[in-house]
Amino acid sequence: MRSQPVRSDASRQRAEGQFKAKKKTDTETPRADAALRQAEAEKTRRLRALRLAKEAADRDTAEREAAGAIARKAEPRRRVPRTQISGASEPT
């Protein structure tokens, strides 16, 4: 019967050690989570700013291209006079 209390003491100490280790990591986790959340938020802000800048540049380019197309359509077409084809219609 002596061996059983030794086992339970060892098991108890091991369980308490695991509990203390878990408790310690649980108290450190909120600080680490806050830092990770802040880093993720900064990354998201940076990527959003880049996306908005790209969209604005694309919109500006599209507006310029559309204005150029309208200007090209507004120009009168130049007609090139037909040259008379020599050959079968004219006697040689």
PDB file of N, CA and C in Angstrom:
ATOM      1  N   MET A   1       0.811  -1.194   0.000  1.00  0.00           N
ATOM      2  CA  MET A   1       0.000   0.000   0.000  1.00  0.00           C
ATOM      3  C   MET A   1       0.853   1.255   0.000  1.00  0.00           C
ATOM      4  N   ARG A   2       2.058   1.108   0.367  1.00  0.00           N
ATOM      5  CA  ARG A   2       2.961   2.261   0.403  1.00  0.00           C
ATOM      6  C   ARG A   2       3.194   2.832  -0.996  1.00  0.00           C
ATOM      7  N   SER A   3       3.218   1.994  -2.034  1.00  0.00           N
ATOM      8  CA  SER A   3       3.523   2.455  -3.379  1.00  0.00           C
ATOM      9  C   SER A   3       2.401   3.317  -3.971  1.00  0.00           C
ATOM     10  N   GLN A   4       1.176   3.095  -3.596  1.00  0.00           N
ATOM     11  CA  GLN A   4       0.078   3.874  -4.138  1.00  0.00           C
ATOM     12  C   GLN A   4       0.145   5.345  -3.743  1.00  0.00           C
ATOM     13  N   PRO A   5       0.396   5.692  -2.483  1.00  0.00           N
ATOM     14  CA  PRO A   5       0.482   7.114  -2.158  1.00  0.00           C
ATOM     15  C   PRO A   5       1.637   7.810  -2.886  1.00  0.00           C
ATOM     16  N   VAL A   6       2.728   7.105  -3.135  1.00  0.00           N
ATOM     17  CA  VAL A   6       3.855   7.703  -3.843  1.00  0.00           C
ATOM     18  C   VAL A   6       3.434   8.022  -5.281  1.00  0.00           C
ATOM     19  N   ARG A   7       2.720   7.100  -5.882  1.00  0.00           N
ATOM     20  CA  ARG A   7       2.255   7.334  -7.243  1.00  0.00           C
ATOM     21  C   ARG A   7       1.279   8.506  -7.287  1.00  0.00           C
ATOM     22  N   SER A   8       0.387   8.560  -6.341  1.00  0.00           N
ATOM     23  CA  SER A   8      -0.588   9.646  -6.363  1.00  0.00           C
ATOM     24  C   SER A   8       0.100  10.983  -6.086  1.00  0.00           C
ATOM     25  N   ASP A   9       1.157  10.988  -5.221  1.00  0.00           N
ATOM     26  CA  ASP A   9       1.889  12.234  -4.982  1.00  0.00           C
ATOM     27  C   ASP A   9       2.614  12.676  -6.251  1.00  0.00           C
ATOM     28  N   ALA A  10       3.232  11.751  -6.929  1.00  0.00           N
ATOM     29  CA  ALA A  10       3.941  12.081  -8.172  1.00  0.00           C
ATOM     30  C   ALA A  10       2.946  12.555  -9.235  1.00  0.00           C
ATOM     31  N   SER A  11       1.830  11.884  -9.323  1.00  0.00           N
ATOM     32  CA  SER A  11       0.806  12.280 -10.293  1.00  0.00           C
ATOM     33  C   SER A  11       0.255  13.651  -9.957  1.00  0.00           C
ATOM     34  N   ARG A  12       0.050  13.860  -8.685  1.00  0.00           N
ATOM     35  CA  ARG A  12      -0.484  15.153  -8.242  1.00  0.00           C
ATOM     36  C   ARG A  12       0.504  16.274  -8.545  1.00  0.00           C
ATOM     37  N   GLN A  13       1.787  16.047  -8.249  1.00  0.00           N
ATOM     38  CA  GLN A  13       2.799  17.068  -8.513  1.00  0.00           C
ATOM     39  C   GLN A  13       2.894  17.346 -10.021  1.00  0.00           C
ATOM     40  N   ARG A  14       2.863  16.298 -10.815  1.00  0.00           N
ATOM     41  CA  ARG A  14       2.918  16.464 -12.267  1.00  0.00           C
ATOM     42  C   ARG A  14       1.698  17.262 -12.749  1.00  0.00           C
ATOM     43  N   ALA A  15       0.519  16.932 -12.243  1.00  0.00           N
ATOM     44  CA  ALA A  15      -0.705  17.636 -12.629  1.00  0.00           C
ATOM     45  C   ALA A  15      -0.645  19.095 -12.205  1.00  0.00           C
ATOM     46  N   GLU A  16      -0.148  19.351 -10.989  1.00  0.00           N
ATOM     47  CA  GLU A  16      -0.028  20.733 -10.526  1.00  0.00           C
ATOM     48  C   GLU A  16       0.972  21.515 -11.384  1.00  0.00           C
ATOM     49  N   GLY A  17       2.057  20.852 -11.746  1.00  0.00           N
ATOM     50  CA  GLY A  17       3.047  21.499 -12.619  1.00  0.00           C
ATOM     51  C   GLY A  17       2.444  21.857 -13.968  1.00  0.00           C
ATOM     52  N   GLN A  18       1.676  20.936 -14.537  1.00  0.00           N
ATOM     53  CA  GLN A  18       1.017  21.208 -15.817  1.00  0.00           C
ATOM     54  C   GLN A  18      -0.006  22.339 -15.676  1.00  0.00           C
ATOM     55  N   PHE A  19      -0.718  22.324 -14.554  1.00  0.00           N
ATOM     56  CA  PHE A  19      -1.701  23.372 -14.314  1.00  0.00           C
ATOM     57  C   PHE A  19      -1.034  24.740 -14.205  1.00  0.00           C
ATOM     58  N   LYS A  20       0.077  24.811 -13.461  1.00  0.00           N
ATOM     59  CA  LYS A  20       0.795  26.078 -13.317  1.00  0.00           C
ATOM     60  C   LYS A  20       1.352  26.557 -14.655  1.00  0.00           C
ATOM     61  N   ALA A  21       1.874  25.627 -15.453  1.00  0.00           N
ATOM     62  CA  ALA A  21       2.408  25.992 -16.763  1.00  0.00           C
ATOM     63  C   ALA A  21       1.295  26.532 -17.660  1.00  0.00           C
ATOM     64  N   LYS A  22       0.140  25.869 -17.625  1.00  0.00           N
ATOM     65  CA  LYS A  22      -0.999  26.315 -18.436  1.00  0.00           C
ATOM     66  C   LYS A  22      -1.493  27.681 -17.965  1.00  0.00           C
ATOM     67  N   LYS A  23      -1.537  27.859 -16.667  1.00  0.00           N
ATOM     68  CA  LYS A  23      -1.998  29.124 -16.114  1.00  0.00           C
ATOM     69  C   LYS A  23      -1.045  30.255 -16.514  1.00  0.00           C
ATOM     70  N   LYS A  24       0.247  29.961 -16.504  1.00  0.00           N
ATOM     71  CA  LYS A  24       1.253  30.958 -16.869  1.00  0.00           C
ATOM     72  C   LYS A  24       1.098  31.355 -18.345  1.00  0.00           C
ATOM     73  N   THR A  25       0.922  30.397 -19.216  1.00  0.00           N
ATOM     74  CA  THR A  25       0.762  30.722 -20.634  1.00  0.00           C
ATOM     75  C   THR A  25      -0.548  31.445 -20.892  1.00  0.00           C
ATOM     76  N   ASP A  26      -1.586  31.133 -20.127  1.00  0.00           N
ATOM     77  CA  ASP A  26      -2.862  31.820 -20.295  1.00  0.00           C
ATOM     78  C   ASP A  26      -2.756  33.290 -19.912  1.00  0.00           C
ATOM     79  N   THR A  27      -1.934  33.613 -18.922  1.00  0.00           N
ATOM     80  CA  THR A  27      -1.786  35.015 -18.534  1.00  0.00           C
ATOM     81  C   THR A  27      -0.931  35.774 -19.542  1.00  0.00           C
ATOM     82  N   GLU A  28      -0.021  35.102 -20.248  1.00  0.00           N
ATOM     83  CA  GLU A  28       0.822  35.762 -21.233  1.00  0.00           C
ATOM     84  C   GLU A  28       0.116  35.896 -22.583  1.00  0.00           C
ATOM     85  N   THR A  29      -0.835  35.063 -22.847  1.00  0.00           N
ATOM     86  CA  THR A  29      -1.508  35.029 -24.146  1.00  0.00           C
ATOM     87  C   THR A  29      -2.219  36.332 -24.492  1.00  0.00           C
ATOM     88  N   PRO A  30      -2.948  36.981 -23.605  1.00  0.00           N
ATOM     89  CA  PRO A  30      -3.637  38.225 -23.999  1.00  0.00           C
ATOM     90  C   PRO A  30      -2.668  39.294 -24.509  1.00  0.00           C
ATOM     91  N   ARG A  31      -1.497  39.391 -23.902  1.00  0.00           N
ATOM     92  CA  ARG A  31      -0.524  40.386 -24.380  1.00  0.00           C
ATOM     93  C   ARG A  31      -0.052  40.030 -25.780  1.00  0.00           C
ATOM     94  N   ALA A  32       0.233  38.766 -26.002  1.00  0.00           N
ATOM     95  CA  ALA A  32       0.696  38.322 -27.317  1.00  0.00           C
ATOM     96  C   ALA A  32      -0.419  38.479 -28.347  1.00  0.00           C
ATOM     97  N   ASP A  33      -1.646  38.151 -27.960  1.00  0.00           N
ATOM     98  CA  ASP A  33      -2.778  38.298 -28.873  1.00  0.00           C
ATOM     99  C   ASP A  33      -2.987  39.761 -29.252  1.00  0.00           C
ATOM    100  N   ALA A  34      -2.850  40.651 -28.297  1.00  0.00           N
ATOM    101  CA  ALA A  34      -3.027  42.075 -28.580  1.00  0.00           C
ATOM    102  C   ALA A  34      -1.965  42.552 -29.570  1.00  0.00           C
ATOM    103  N   ALA A  35      -0.740  42.112 -29.391  1.00  0.00           N
ATOM    104  CA  ALA A  35       0.330  42.508 -30.309  1.00  0.00           C
ATOM    105  C   ALA A  35       0.076  41.948 -31.699  1.00  0.00           C
ATOM    106  N   LEU A  36      -0.380  40.706 -31.779  1.00  0.00           N
ATOM    107  CA  LEU A  36      -0.689  40.106 -33.083  1.00  0.00           C
ATOM    108  C   LEU A  36      -1.852  40.815 -33.764  1.00  0.00           C
ATOM    109  N   ARG A  37      -2.875  41.148 -32.981  1.00  0.00           N
ATOM    110  CA  ARG A  37      -4.028  41.867 -33.540  1.00  0.00           C
ATOM    111  C   ARG A  37      -3.612  43.234 -34.066  1.00  0.00           C
ATOM    112  N   GLN A  38      -2.751  43.916 -33.316  1.00  0.00           N
ATOM    113  CA  GLN A  38      -2.294  45.234 -33.749  1.00  0.00           C
ATOM    114  C   GLN A  38      -1.468  45.128 -35.029  1.00  0.00           C
ATOM    115  N   ALA A  39      -0.584  44.147 -35.100  1.00  0.00           N
ATOM    116  CA  ALA A  39       0.227  43.953 -36.305  1.00  0.00           C
ATOM    117  C   ALA A  39      -0.672  43.625 -37.501  1.00  0.00           C
ATOM    118  N   GLU A  40      -1.668  42.792 -37.289  1.00  0.00           N
ATOM    119  CA  GLU A  40      -2.599  42.436 -38.365  1.00  0.00           C
ATOM    120  C   GLU A  40      -3.402  43.659 -38.814  1.00  0.00           C
ATOM    121  N   ALA A  41      -3.812  44.501 -37.865  1.00  0.00           N
ATOM    122  CA  ALA A  41      -4.567  45.713 -38.207  1.00  0.00           C
ATOM    123  C   ALA A  41      -3.708  46.680 -39.015  1.00  0.00           C
ATOM    124  N   GLU A  42      -2.446  46.826 -38.642  1.00  0.00           N
ATOM    125  CA  GLU A  42      -1.545  47.710 -39.389  1.00  0.00           C
ATOM    126  C   GLU A  42      -1.328  47.181 -40.805  1.00  0.00           C
ATOM    127  N   LYS A  43      -1.167  45.875 -40.933  1.00  0.00           N
ATOM    128  CA  LYS A  43      -0.990  45.257 -42.243  1.00  0.00           C
ATOM    129  C   LYS A  43      -2.231  45.482 -43.109  1.00  0.00           C
ATOM    130  N   THR A  44      -3.405  45.320 -42.506  1.00  0.00           N
ATOM    131  CA  THR A  44      -4.653  45.513 -43.225  1.00  0.00           C
ATOM    132  C   THR A  44      -4.796  46.960 -43.682  1.00  0.00           C
ATOM    133  N   ARG A  45      -4.444  47.920 -42.809  1.00  0.00           N
ATOM    134  CA  ARG A  45      -4.513  49.341 -43.174  1.00  0.00           C
ATOM    135  C   ARG A  45      -3.586  49.641 -44.352  1.00  0.00           C
ATOM    136  N   ARG A  46      -2.374  49.091 -44.306  1.00  0.00           N
ATOM    137  CA  ARG A  46      -1.394  49.336 -45.368  1.00  0.00           C
ATOM    138  C   ARG A  46      -1.886  48.755 -46.692  1.00  0.00           C
ATOM    139  N   LEU A  47      -2.378  47.519 -46.655  1.00  0.00           N
ATOM    140  CA  LEU A  47      -2.869  46.887 -47.873  1.00  0.00           C
ATOM    141  C   LEU A  47      -4.101  47.602 -48.428  1.00  0.00           C
ATOM    142  N   ARG A  48      -4.950  48.096 -47.555  1.00  0.00           N
ATOM    143  CA  ARG A  48      -6.145  48.820 -47.992  1.00  0.00           C
ATOM    144  C   ARG A  48      -5.750  50.118 -48.675  1.00  0.00           C
ATOM    145  N   ALA A  49      -4.766  50.821 -48.096  1.00  0.00           N
ATOM    146  CA  ALA A  49      -4.295  52.065 -48.706  1.00  0.00           C
ATOM    147  C   ALA A  49      -3.696  51.792 -50.086  1.00  0.00           C
ATOM    148  N   LEU A  50      -2.934  50.725 -50.211  1.00  0.00           N
ATOM    149  CA  LEU A  50      -2.365  50.371 -51.515  1.00  0.00           C
ATOM    150  C   LEU A  50      -3.455  50.032 -52.523  1.00  0.00           C
ATOM    151  N   ARG A  51      -4.462  49.290 -52.087  1.00  0.00           N
ATOM    152  CA  ARG A  51      -5.555  48.917 -52.978  1.00  0.00           C
ATOM    153  C   ARG A  51      -6.326  50.145 -53.444  1.00  0.00           C
ATOM    154  N   LEU A  52      -6.617  51.060 -52.518  1.00  0.00           N
ATOM    155  CA  LEU A  52      -7.349  52.269 -52.885  1.00  0.00           C
ATOM    156  C   LEU A  52      -6.542  53.137 -53.840  1.00  0.00           C
ATOM    157  N   ALA A  53      -5.234  53.226 -53.624  1.00  0.00           N
ATOM    158  CA  ALA A  53      -4.376  54.006 -54.523  1.00  0.00           C
ATOM    159  C   ALA A  53      -4.369  53.384 -55.922  1.00  0.00           C
ATOM    160  N   LYS A  54      -4.302  52.069 -55.987  1.00  0.00           N
ATOM    161  CA  LYS A  54      -4.308  51.383 -57.290  1.00  0.00           C
ATOM    162  C   LYS A  54      -5.641  51.587 -57.989  1.00  0.00           C
ATOM    163  N   GLU A  55      -6.737  51.478 -57.256  1.00  0.00           N
ATOM    164  CA  GLU A  55      -8.051  51.684 -57.859  1.00  0.00           C
ATOM    165  C   GLU A  55      -8.187  53.105 -58.393  1.00  0.00           C
ATOM    166  N   ALA A  56      -7.681  54.092 -57.657  1.00  0.00           N
ATOM    167  CA  ALA A  56      -7.748  55.478 -58.114  1.00  0.00           C
ATOM    168  C   ALA A  56      -6.912  55.667 -59.383  1.00  0.00           C
ATOM    169  N   ALA A  57      -5.734  55.061 -59.424  1.00  0.00           N
ATOM    170  CA  ALA A  57      -4.883  55.167 -60.609  1.00  0.00           C
ATOM    171  C   ALA A  57      -5.547  54.486 -61.803  1.00  0.00           C
ATOM    172  N   ASP A  58      -6.151  53.323 -61.584  1.00  0.00           N
ATOM    173  CA  ASP A  58      -6.842  52.616 -62.665  1.00  0.00           C
ATOM    174  C   ASP A  58      -8.028  53.432 -63.175  1.00  0.00           C
ATOM    175  N   ARG A  59      -8.760  54.055 -62.263  1.00  0.00           N
ATOM    176  CA  ARG A  59      -9.912  54.874 -62.648  1.00  0.00           C
ATOM    177  C   ARG A  59      -9.452  56.068 -63.480  1.00  0.00           C
ATOM    178  N   ASP A  60      -8.361  56.706 -63.056  1.00  0.00           N
ATOM    179  CA  ASP A  60      -7.814  57.854 -63.770  1.00  0.00           C
ATOM    180  C   ASP A  60      -7.375  57.445 -65.182  1.00  0.00           C
ATOM    181  N   THR A  61      -6.696  56.312 -65.289  1.00  0.00           N
ATOM    182  CA  THR A  61      -6.250  55.817 -66.589  1.00  0.00           C
ATOM    183  C   THR A  61      -7.447  55.517 -67.491  1.00  0.00           C
ATOM    184  N   ALA A  62      -8.472  54.900 -66.949  1.00  0.00           N
ATOM    185  CA  ALA A  62      -9.665  54.565 -67.726  1.00  0.00           C
ATOM    186  C   ALA A  62     -10.368  55.836 -68.207  1.00  0.00           C
ATOM    187  N   GLU A  63     -10.422  56.861 -67.367  1.00  0.00           N
ATOM    188  CA  GLU A  63     -11.059  58.122 -67.767  1.00  0.00           C
ATOM    189  C   GLU A  63     -10.277  58.787 -68.889  1.00  0.00           C
ATOM    190  N   ARG A  64      -8.937  58.761 -68.795  1.00  0.00           N
ATOM    191  CA  ARG A  64      -8.112  59.353 -69.852  1.00  0.00           C
ATOM    192  C   ARG A  64      -8.288  58.604 -71.165  1.00  0.00           C
ATOM    193  N   GLU A  65      -8.319  57.272 -71.100  1.00  0.00           N
ATOM    194  CA  GLU A  65      -8.505  56.479 -72.315  1.00  0.00           C
ATOM    195  C   GLU A  65      -9.878  56.732 -72.927  1.00  0.00           C
ATOM    196  N   ALA A  66     -10.894  56.864 -72.090  1.00  0.00           N
ATOM    197  CA  ALA A  66     -12.240  57.127 -72.592  1.00  0.00           C
ATOM    198  C   ALA A  66     -12.292  58.506 -73.244  1.00  0.00           C
ATOM    199  N   ALA A  67     -11.662  59.497 -72.645  1.00  0.00           N
ATOM    200  CA  ALA A  67     -11.638  60.844 -73.219  1.00  0.00           C
ATOM    201  C   ALA A  67     -10.895  60.837 -74.553  1.00  0.00           C
ATOM    202  N   GLY A  68      -9.827  60.068 -74.645  1.00  0.00           N
ATOM    203  CA  GLY A  68      -9.086  59.959 -75.900  1.00  0.00           C
ATOM    204  C   GLY A  68      -9.917  59.297 -76.983  1.00  0.00           C
ATOM    205  N   ALA A  69     -10.675  58.288 -76.622  1.00  0.00           N
ATOM    206  CA  ALA A  69     -11.533  57.603 -77.589  1.00  0.00           C
ATOM    207  C   ALA A  69     -12.626  58.534 -78.089  1.00  0.00           C
ATOM    208  N   ILE A  70     -13.190  59.329 -77.202  1.00  0.00           N
ATOM    209  CA  ILE A  70     -14.232  60.276 -77.601  1.00  0.00           C
ATOM    210  C   ILE A  70     -13.636  61.322 -78.534  1.00  0.00           C
ATOM    211  N   ALA A  71     -12.438  61.791 -78.224  1.00  0.00           N
ATOM    212  CA  ALA A  71     -11.784  62.794 -79.067  1.00  0.00           C
ATOM    213  C   ALA A  71     -11.484  62.215 -80.446  1.00  0.00           C
ATOM    214  N   ARG A  72     -11.070  60.980 -80.527  1.00  0.00           N
ATOM    215  CA  ARG A  72     -10.785  60.350 -81.822  1.00  0.00           C
ATOM    216  C   ARG A  72     -12.061  60.185 -82.643  1.00  0.00           C
ATOM    217  N   LYS A  73     -13.154  59.871 -81.977  1.00  0.00           N
ATOM    218  CA  LYS A  73     -14.423  59.714 -82.691  1.00  0.00           C
ATOM    219  C   LYS A  73     -14.934  61.059 -83.198  1.00  0.00           C
ATOM    220  N   ALA A  74     -14.648  62.129 -82.479  1.00  0.00           N
ATOM    221  CA  ALA A  74     -15.139  63.453 -82.854  1.00  0.00           C
ATOM    222  C   ALA A  74     -14.391  64.014 -84.053  1.00  0.00           C
ATOM    223  N   GLU A  75     -13.180  63.563 -84.306  1.00  0.00           N
ATOM    224  CA  GLU A  75     -12.408  64.062 -85.446  1.00  0.00           C
ATOM    225  C   GLU A  75     -13.054  63.574 -86.733  1.00  0.00           C
ATOM    226  N   PRO A  76     -13.120  64.459 -87.737  1.00  0.00           N
ATOM    227  CA  PRO A  76     -13.674  64.005 -89.015  1.00  0.00           C
ATOM    228  C   PRO A  76     -12.716  63.029 -89.687  1.00  0.00           C
ATOM    229  N   ARG A  77     -13.298  62.096 -90.380  1.00  0.00           N
ATOM    230  CA  ARG A  77     -12.474  61.111 -91.067  1.00  0.00           C
ATOM    231  C   ARG A  77     -11.921  61.726 -92.349  1.00  0.00           C
ATOM    232  N   ARG A  78     -10.706  61.410 -92.596  1.00  0.00           N
ATOM    233  CA  ARG A  78     -10.101  61.878 -93.840  1.00  0.00           C
ATOM    234  C   ARG A  78     -10.384  60.856 -94.920  1.00  0.00           C
ATOM    235  N   ARG A  79     -10.874  61.357 -96.024  1.00  0.00           N
ATOM    236  CA  ARG A  79     -11.144  60.460 -97.143  1.00  0.00           C
ATOM    237  C   ARG A  79      -9.980  60.535 -98.112  1.00  0.00           C
ATOM    238  N   VAL A  80      -9.521  59.407 -98.458  1.00  0.00           N
ATOM    239  CA  VAL A  80      -8.425  59.325 -99.409  1.00  0.00           C
ATOM    240  C   VAL A  80      -9.051  59.108-100.783  1.00  0.00           C
ATOM    241  N   PRO A  81      -8.700  59.976-101.725  1.00  0.00           N
ATOM    242  CA  PRO A  81      -9.300  59.801-103.045  1.00  0.00           C
ATOM    243  C   PRO A  81      -8.821  58.512-103.691  1.00  0.00           C
ATOM    244  N   ARG A  82      -9.702  57.909-104.388  1.00  0.00           N
ATOM    245  CA  ARG A  82      -9.344  56.664-105.080  1.00  0.00           C
ATOM    246  C   ARG A  82      -8.473  56.997-106.280  1.00  0.00           C
ATOM    247  N   THR A  83      -7.498  56.255-106.440  1.00  0.00           N
ATOM    248  CA  THR A  83      -6.683  56.410-107.640  1.00  0.00           C
ATOM    249  C   THR A  83      -7.309  55.572-108.731  1.00  0.00           C
ATOM    250  N   GLN A  84      -7.231  56.068-109.901  1.00  0.00           N
ATOM    251  CA  GLN A  84      -7.829  55.319-110.992  1.00  0.00           C
ATOM    252  C   GLN A  84      -6.952  54.124-111.303  1.00  0.00           C
ATOM    253  N   ILE A  85      -7.617  53.039-111.409  1.00  0.00           N
ATOM    254  CA  ILE A  85      -6.902  51.802-111.672  1.00  0.00           C
ATOM    255  C   ILE A  85      -6.672  51.715-113.171  1.00  0.00           C
ATOM    256  N   SER A  86      -5.429  51.605-113.531  1.00  0.00           N
ATOM    257  CA  SER A  86      -5.145  51.452-114.965  1.00  0.00           C
ATOM    258  C   SER A  86      -5.194  49.987-115.302  1.00  0.00           C
ATOM    259  N   GLY A  87      -5.576  49.691-116.448  1.00  0.00           N
ATOM    260  CA  GLY A  87      -5.627  48.291-116.822  1.00  0.00           C
ATOM    261  C   GLY A  87      -6.729  48.018-117.795  1.00  0.00           C
ATOM    262  N   ALA A  88      -7.692  47.275-117.407  1.00  0.00           N
ATOM    263  CA  ALA A  88      -8.728  46.762-118.301  1.00  0.00           C
ATOM    264  C   ALA A  88      -9.662  47.872-118.779  1.00  0.00           C
ATOM    265  N   SER A  89      -9.915  48.893-118.019  1.00  0.00           N
ATOM    266  CA  SER A  89     -10.843  49.914-118.420  1.00  0.00           C
ATOM    267  C   SER A  89     -10.251  50.899-119.420  1.00  0.00           C
ATOM    268  N   GLU A  90      -8.944  51.075-119.426  1.00  0.00           N
ATOM    269  CA  GLU A  90      -8.305  52.007-120.350  1.00  0.00           C
ATOM    270  C   GLU A  90      -7.623  51.261-121.481  1.00  0.00           C
ATOM    271  N   PRO A  91      -7.815  51.741-122.683  1.00  0.00           N
ATOM    272  CA  PRO A  91      -7.113  51.086-123.794  1.00  0.00           C
ATOM    273  C   PRO A  91      -5.636  51.473-123.777  1.00  0.00           C
ATOM    274  N   THR A  92      -4.815  50.566-124.145  1.00  0.00           N
ATOM    275  CA  THR A  92      -3.388  50.864-124.175  1.00  0.00           C
ATOM    276  C   THR A  92      -2.856  51.120-125.526  1.00  0.00           C
TER     277      THR A  92
END
